[in-house]
Amino acid sequence: MIEIEKLTRRFAQRTAVDDLSFRVQPGEVLGFLGPNGAGKSTTMKMLTGFLAPTSGTARILGFDIRRQTLQAQRLIGYLPEGAPCYGDMRVAGFLGFIAEVRGFRGAEKRRRVAAAVERLELEKVLGQSIDTLSKGFKRRVGLAQAILHEPPVLILDEPTDGLDPNQKHQVRRLIGDLARDRIVIISTHILEEVTAVCSRALIIAAGRLVADGTPLELESRSRYHQAVTLVGEGLEQNALAALPGVAGIESNPREGSLTVLARPGEVIFPQVNALIHQRGWQVRELDVERGRLDEVFRSLTRGEAA
């Protein structure tokens, strides 16, 4: 597993990461969330040994990142923020160079490069210099070098940044495949990424851990958890508001919808559905919400929740 214990990093008078502790097990895809400046990238750099902690430590499959840096780094595939590569190298040459750095030669080197190229669909840009690639292809080259040595730990900083929807789908599917017997940590501020690929999410704000749970557990902390949204004609707000377990009503005249909010721990769909049939309302859409991760995120990172 990966074990992070009281990890702290200070820059002059500013504390970027503050006493951070958590563990990640094989098979988990951990989404590491936070607003810009929360300390996500600083944490990634400390986990990979590129930045020394002020205090605390991390262990990668038992190797202490401070005392056994090289042993820990051999186990990691790392995609840094911005996917930096040698811009004047061609894609094929760059991946071959990375394979040699990782200790592969001859047929094994060619096999590793070919497998990474196929997974990231880089065949048509192999002869191009990296500087001439689009942002999306540069990101895919960065992912290819991260998985080339088939590491047991993948640490990816904004892995789908700059990718189009088709490429995002491809990378998410790849992450899902890789996570079956690996540890994957994804640092991101894109909440859609969490619900798409992550089995667990951590949220940090000002360098401190403020939430840890599955995406569903975090969504259940939203005021919209178990809310019912109706779109139709003749809907009566007062009748809906009087139902047991209802906390309030939100109206959206532009969409012609009403959202009925549930009190914490209450399930109100059966009552709402019964009222629809009783009053004979013509309802075109009827949805029950799991909760809104963006609302939970804003609440936690703006200090509005304990």
Protein backbone atom coordinates (compact mmCIF):
# COMPACT_ATOMS: atom_id res chain seq x y z
CA MET A 1 0.00 0.00 0.00
CA ILE A 2 0.90 3.68 0.01
CA GLU A 3 1.11 5.17 3.49
CA ILE A 4 1.27 8.93 4.04
CA GLU A 5 2.01 10.04 7.60
CA LYS A 6 1.83 13.66 8.79
CA LEU A 7 3.18 14.94 5.48
CA THR A 8 3.97 18.66 5.69
CA ARG A 9 5.64 21.13 3.34
CA ARG A 10 6.34 24.79 4.09
CA PHE A 11 7.60 27.47 1.70
CA ALA A 12 8.95 30.46 3.66
CA GLN A 13 5.89 31.68 5.62
CA ARG A 14 3.34 29.60 3.69
CA THR A 15 2.30 26.03 4.55
CA ALA A 16 1.35 24.29 1.29
CA VAL A 17 0.63 20.85 2.80
CA ASP A 18 -0.31 20.61 6.47
CA ASP A 19 -0.05 17.34 8.47
CA LEU A 20 -1.59 15.13 5.78
CA SER A 21 -2.15 11.41 6.55
CA PHE A 22 -3.94 8.68 4.58
CA ARG A 23 -3.44 5.19 3.09
CA VAL A 24 -4.20 3.76 -0.35
CA GLN A 25 -4.68 0.05 -1.07
CA PRO A 26 -4.04 -1.89 -4.31
CA GLY A 27 -7.06 -1.79 -6.61
CA GLU A 28 -8.10 1.67 -5.46
CA VAL A 29 -8.35 4.65 -7.78
CA LEU A 30 -7.97 7.59 -5.44
CA GLY A 31 -9.15 11.00 -6.60
CA PHE A 32 -7.14 13.73 -4.91
CA LEU A 33 -9.28 16.87 -5.06
CA GLY A 34 -8.89 20.48 -4.11
CA PRO A 35 -9.12 24.00 -5.51
CA ASN A 36 -6.14 25.65 -7.17
CA GLY A 37 -3.46 26.27 -4.56
CA ALA A 38 -4.79 23.63 -2.16
CA GLY A 39 -1.52 21.65 -2.20
CA LYS A 40 -2.39 18.83 -4.63
CA SER A 41 0.66 19.11 -6.90
CA THR A 42 2.98 19.69 -3.93
CA THR A 43 1.71 16.46 -2.38
CA MET A 44 2.25 14.58 -5.66
CA LYS A 45 5.83 15.86 -5.86
CA MET A 46 6.54 14.71 -2.31
CA LEU A 47 4.99 11.27 -2.94
CA THR A 48 7.27 10.79 -5.95
CA GLY A 49 10.44 12.03 -4.25
CA PHE A 50 10.84 15.16 -6.39
CA LEU A 51 10.26 17.46 -3.42
CA ALA A 52 11.43 16.83 0.14
CA PRO A 53 8.83 17.18 2.91
CA THR A 54 9.45 19.65 5.70
CA SER A 55 8.27 16.93 8.06
CA GLY A 56 6.44 13.60 7.90
CA THR A 57 6.98 10.95 5.27
CA ALA A 58 5.40 8.59 2.73
CA ARG A 59 6.03 4.88 2.11
CA ILE A 60 5.56 3.36 -1.34
CA LEU A 61 4.99 -0.40 -0.96
CA GLY A 62 7.11 -0.28 2.18
CA PHE A 63 9.93 1.96 0.87
CA ASP A 64 10.32 5.28 2.66
CA ILE A 65 10.38 8.07 0.08
CA ARG A 66 12.89 10.06 2.15
CA ARG A 67 15.39 7.31 3.02
CA GLN A 68 14.85 4.86 0.13
CA THR A 69 14.04 7.28 -2.65
CA LEU A 70 15.34 5.30 -5.65
CA GLN A 71 13.72 2.04 -4.54
CA ALA A 72 10.38 3.82 -4.15
CA GLN A 73 10.68 5.69 -7.45
CA ARG A 74 11.28 2.45 -9.39
CA LEU A 75 7.77 1.39 -8.39
CA ILE A 76 6.08 4.60 -9.56
CA GLY A 77 4.74 5.76 -12.90
CA TYR A 78 4.43 9.54 -12.69
CA LEU A 79 2.66 12.01 -14.93
CA PRO A 80 3.54 15.49 -13.63
CA GLU A 81 1.37 18.55 -14.05
CA GLY A 82 1.72 19.83 -17.62
CA ALA A 83 3.25 16.53 -18.85
CA PRO A 84 6.78 17.95 -19.37
CA CYS A 85 8.78 16.08 -22.04
CA TYR A 86 11.89 16.85 -24.10
CA GLY A 87 10.28 19.00 -26.79
CA ASP A 88 13.05 18.64 -29.39
CA MET A 89 12.86 14.82 -29.35
CA ARG A 90 10.60 12.81 -31.61
CA VAL A 91 7.92 10.75 -29.86
CA ALA A 92 9.49 7.40 -30.81
CA GLY A 93 12.94 8.53 -29.70
CA PHE A 94 11.64 9.93 -26.43
CA LEU A 95 9.79 6.74 -25.47
CA GLY A 96 12.82 4.67 -26.47
CA PHE A 97 14.99 6.89 -24.29
CA ILE A 98 12.62 6.48 -21.30
CA ALA A 99 12.64 2.69 -21.83
CA GLU A 100 16.45 2.69 -21.67
CA VAL A 101 16.43 4.87 -18.56
CA ARG A 102 14.17 2.24 -17.02
CA GLY A 103 16.74 -0.46 -17.89
CA PHE A 104 15.14 -2.08 -20.95
CA ARG A 105 17.18 -3.06 -24.01
CA GLY A 106 16.69 -4.86 -27.31
CA ALA A 107 13.47 -6.78 -27.89
CA GLU A 108 12.10 -5.98 -24.43
CA LYS A 109 12.59 -2.26 -25.02
CA ARG A 110 10.76 -2.47 -28.35
CA ARG A 111 7.94 -4.48 -26.77
CA ARG A 112 7.44 -1.98 -23.97
CA VAL A 113 7.42 1.02 -26.31
CA ALA A 114 5.03 -0.68 -28.75
CA ALA A 115 2.61 -1.61 -25.97
CA ALA A 116 2.53 1.95 -24.60
CA VAL A 117 2.12 3.43 -28.10
CA GLU A 118 -0.80 1.10 -28.84
CA ARG A 119 -2.55 1.84 -25.55
CA LEU A 120 -2.37 5.60 -26.07
CA GLU A 121 -2.91 5.46 -29.88
CA LEU A 122 0.28 7.37 -30.70
CA GLU A 123 1.14 5.56 -33.95
CA LYS A 124 0.46 8.52 -36.25
CA VAL A 125 2.70 10.97 -34.31
CA LEU A 126 5.72 8.73 -33.64
CA GLY A 127 7.84 10.67 -36.16
CA GLN A 128 6.89 14.12 -34.89
CA SER A 129 8.91 16.20 -32.44
CA ILE A 130 7.07 16.66 -29.15
CA ASP A 131 7.08 20.46 -29.47
CA THR A 132 4.88 20.21 -32.57
CA LEU A 133 2.18 18.10 -30.88
CA SER A 134 -1.16 19.38 -29.66
CA LYS A 135 -1.71 19.67 -25.92
CA GLY A 136 -3.78 16.48 -25.96
CA PHE A 137 -1.08 14.43 -27.72
CA LYS A 138 1.59 15.78 -25.37
CA ARG A 139 -0.53 14.57 -22.47
CA ARG A 140 -0.86 11.14 -24.08
CA VAL A 141 2.92 10.93 -24.61
CA GLY A 142 3.32 11.78 -20.91
CA LEU A 143 0.92 8.98 -20.00
CA ALA A 144 2.77 6.55 -22.27
CA GLN A 145 6.09 7.17 -20.49
CA ALA A 146 4.36 6.77 -17.11
CA ILE A 147 3.02 3.28 -17.88
CA LEU A 148 5.93 2.06 -20.03
CA HIS A 149 7.57 0.05 -17.21
CA GLU A 150 4.20 -1.30 -15.97
CA PRO A 151 4.59 0.13 -12.46
CA PRO A 152 2.52 -1.08 -9.49
CA VAL A 153 1.84 2.55 -8.51
CA LEU A 154 0.56 5.28 -10.85
CA ILE A 155 0.52 8.92 -9.75
CA LEU A 156 -1.20 11.12 -12.32
CA ASP A 157 -1.48 14.89 -12.03
CA GLU A 158 -4.44 16.11 -14.16
CA PRO A 159 -4.25 13.11 -16.57
CA THR A 160 -7.06 14.25 -18.91
CA ASP A 161 -6.17 17.94 -19.03
CA GLY A 162 -6.35 19.11 -22.66
CA LEU A 163 -7.97 15.95 -24.03
CA ASP A 164 -11.13 15.95 -26.14
CA PRO A 165 -14.17 13.90 -24.96
CA ASN A 166 -13.16 10.81 -26.98
CA GLN A 167 -9.60 10.92 -25.62
CA LYS A 168 -10.90 11.43 -22.07
CA HIS A 169 -13.06 8.33 -22.42
CA GLN A 170 -10.08 6.35 -23.70
CA VAL A 171 -7.80 7.46 -20.84
CA ARG A 172 -10.48 6.77 -18.23
CA ARG A 173 -10.96 3.27 -19.62
CA LEU A 174 -7.18 2.77 -19.54
CA ILE A 175 -7.02 3.92 -15.90
CA GLY A 176 -9.81 1.49 -15.03
CA ASP A 177 -7.90 -1.37 -16.67
CA LEU A 178 -4.62 -0.43 -14.99
CA ALA A 179 -6.24 -0.11 -11.55
CA ARG A 180 -7.26 -3.77 -11.33
CA ASP A 181 -3.98 -4.75 -9.69
CA ARG A 182 -2.33 -1.39 -9.09
CA ILE A 183 -2.64 1.69 -6.93
CA VAL A 184 -3.70 4.76 -8.90
CA ILE A 185 -3.76 8.29 -7.49
CA ILE A 186 -5.26 11.02 -9.66
CA SER A 187 -4.83 14.65 -8.70
CA THR A 188 -7.54 16.75 -10.32
CA HIS A 189 -9.88 19.70 -9.92
CA ILE A 190 -12.32 18.22 -12.48
CA LEU A 191 -15.15 16.72 -10.40
CA GLU A 192 -16.46 14.78 -13.40
CA GLU A 193 -13.20 12.80 -13.27
CA VAL A 194 -14.00 11.52 -9.79
CA THR A 195 -17.41 10.07 -10.56
CA ALA A 196 -16.10 8.63 -13.85
CA VAL A 197 -13.06 6.68 -12.63
CA CYS A 198 -12.43 6.96 -8.87
CA SER A 199 -13.43 4.46 -6.21
CA ARG A 200 -12.49 6.89 -3.44
CA ALA A 201 -11.92 10.64 -3.13
CA LEU A 202 -9.96 12.88 -0.78
CA ILE A 203 -10.66 16.60 -0.67
CA ILE A 204 -8.04 19.00 0.65
CA ALA A 205 -8.25 22.73 1.27
CA ALA A 206 -5.36 24.97 2.34
CA GLY A 207 -3.18 21.86 2.55
CA ARG A 208 -5.42 20.03 5.04
CA LEU A 209 -7.65 16.98 4.59
CA VAL A 210 -11.34 17.95 4.82
CA ALA A 211 -13.12 14.85 3.43
CA ASP A 212 -12.41 11.19 2.63
CA GLY A 213 -14.94 8.76 1.18
CA THR A 214 -16.39 7.11 -1.90
CA PRO A 215 -17.95 9.45 -4.48
CA LEU A 216 -21.40 8.23 -3.35
CA GLU A 217 -20.59 8.93 0.32
CA LEU A 218 -19.45 12.45 -0.54
CA GLU A 219 -22.52 13.07 -2.70
CA SER A 220 -24.73 11.98 0.21
CA ARG A 221 -23.43 15.01 2.15
CA SER A 222 -25.05 17.32 -0.42
CA ARG A 223 -28.26 19.17 0.39
CA TYR A 224 -29.53 17.69 -2.91
CA HIS A 225 -29.10 14.06 -1.74
CA GLN A 226 -32.44 12.28 -2.35
CA ALA A 227 -33.93 15.48 -3.83
CA VAL A 228 -36.64 14.94 -6.45
CA THR A 229 -36.80 17.13 -9.56
CA LEU A 230 -40.04 17.40 -11.54
CA VAL A 231 -40.65 18.94 -14.96
CA GLY A 232 -44.28 19.30 -15.97
CA GLU A 233 -47.48 21.34 -15.99
CA GLY A 234 -49.64 22.52 -13.09
CA LEU A 235 -47.18 21.59 -10.34
CA GLU A 236 -48.21 22.97 -6.94
CA GLN A 237 -45.31 24.08 -4.76
CA ASN A 238 -47.41 24.34 -1.58
CA ALA A 239 -48.66 20.77 -1.89
CA LEU A 240 -45.13 19.47 -2.42
CA ALA A 241 -43.72 21.54 0.46
CA ALA A 242 -46.35 20.09 2.82
CA LEU A 243 -45.23 16.48 2.27
CA PRO A 244 -43.51 14.75 5.23
CA GLY A 245 -39.72 14.75 5.02
CA VAL A 246 -39.54 17.75 2.67
CA ALA A 247 -37.01 20.45 3.62
CA GLY A 248 -37.87 22.98 0.92
CA ILE A 249 -38.58 23.67 -2.75
CA GLU A 250 -36.33 25.21 -5.40
CA SER A 251 -37.97 26.56 -8.55
CA ASN A 252 -36.33 26.95 -11.96
CA PRO A 253 -38.84 28.87 -14.14
CA ARG A 254 -36.47 28.83 -17.11
CA GLU A 255 -36.58 25.03 -17.29
CA GLY A 256 -40.09 24.74 -15.87
CA SER A 257 -38.86 22.50 -13.07
CA LEU A 258 -39.25 22.16 -9.31
CA THR A 259 -36.65 20.50 -7.09
CA VAL A 260 -38.04 19.09 -3.85
CA LEU A 261 -35.31 18.93 -1.19
CA ALA A 262 -35.30 16.15 1.38
CA ARG A 263 -34.43 16.52 5.03
CA PRO A 264 -31.20 14.70 6.01
CA GLY A 265 -31.79 10.96 6.15
CA GLU A 266 -35.23 11.15 4.52
CA VAL A 267 -36.38 9.43 1.30
CA ILE A 268 -39.20 11.46 -0.22
CA PHE A 269 -39.68 9.97 -3.69
CA PRO A 270 -42.62 7.67 -2.71
CA GLN A 271 -44.55 10.63 -1.25
CA VAL A 272 -43.83 12.84 -4.28
CA ASN A 273 -44.81 10.10 -6.72
CA ALA A 274 -48.06 9.41 -4.85
CA LEU A 275 -48.95 13.11 -4.90
CA ILE A 276 -48.34 13.28 -8.67
CA HIS A 277 -50.84 10.46 -9.25
CA GLN A 278 -53.31 11.88 -6.73
CA ARG A 279 -53.36 15.34 -8.37
CA GLY A 280 -53.09 14.04 -11.92
CA TRP A 281 -50.14 16.28 -12.82
CA GLN A 282 -48.68 15.88 -16.31
CA VAL A 283 -45.01 15.23 -15.46
CA ARG A 284 -42.56 14.88 -18.35
CA GLU A 285 -39.46 14.25 -16.24
CA LEU A 286 -39.00 12.87 -12.75
CA ASP A 287 -35.50 12.41 -11.32
CA VAL A 288 -34.08 11.44 -7.94
CA GLU A 289 -30.67 12.97 -7.25
CA ARG A 290 -27.73 11.16 -5.65
CA GLY A 291 -26.37 14.53 -4.55
CA ARG A 292 -24.13 17.13 -6.16
CA LEU A 293 -20.41 16.68 -5.66
CA ASP A 294 -19.70 20.23 -6.82
CA GLU A 295 -21.87 21.63 -4.03
CA VAL A 296 -20.11 19.46 -1.40
CA PHE A 297 -16.75 20.49 -2.83
CA ARG A 298 -17.58 24.21 -2.63
CA SER A 299 -18.94 23.89 0.87
CA LEU A 300 -15.87 22.04 2.19
CA THR A 301 -13.21 24.07 0.43
CA ARG A 302 -14.73 27.43 1.30
CA GLY A 303 -14.85 26.55 4.98
CA GLU A 304 -18.64 26.50 5.11
CA ALA A 305 -18.77 23.06 6.73
CA ALA A 306 -17.04 21.63 9.77
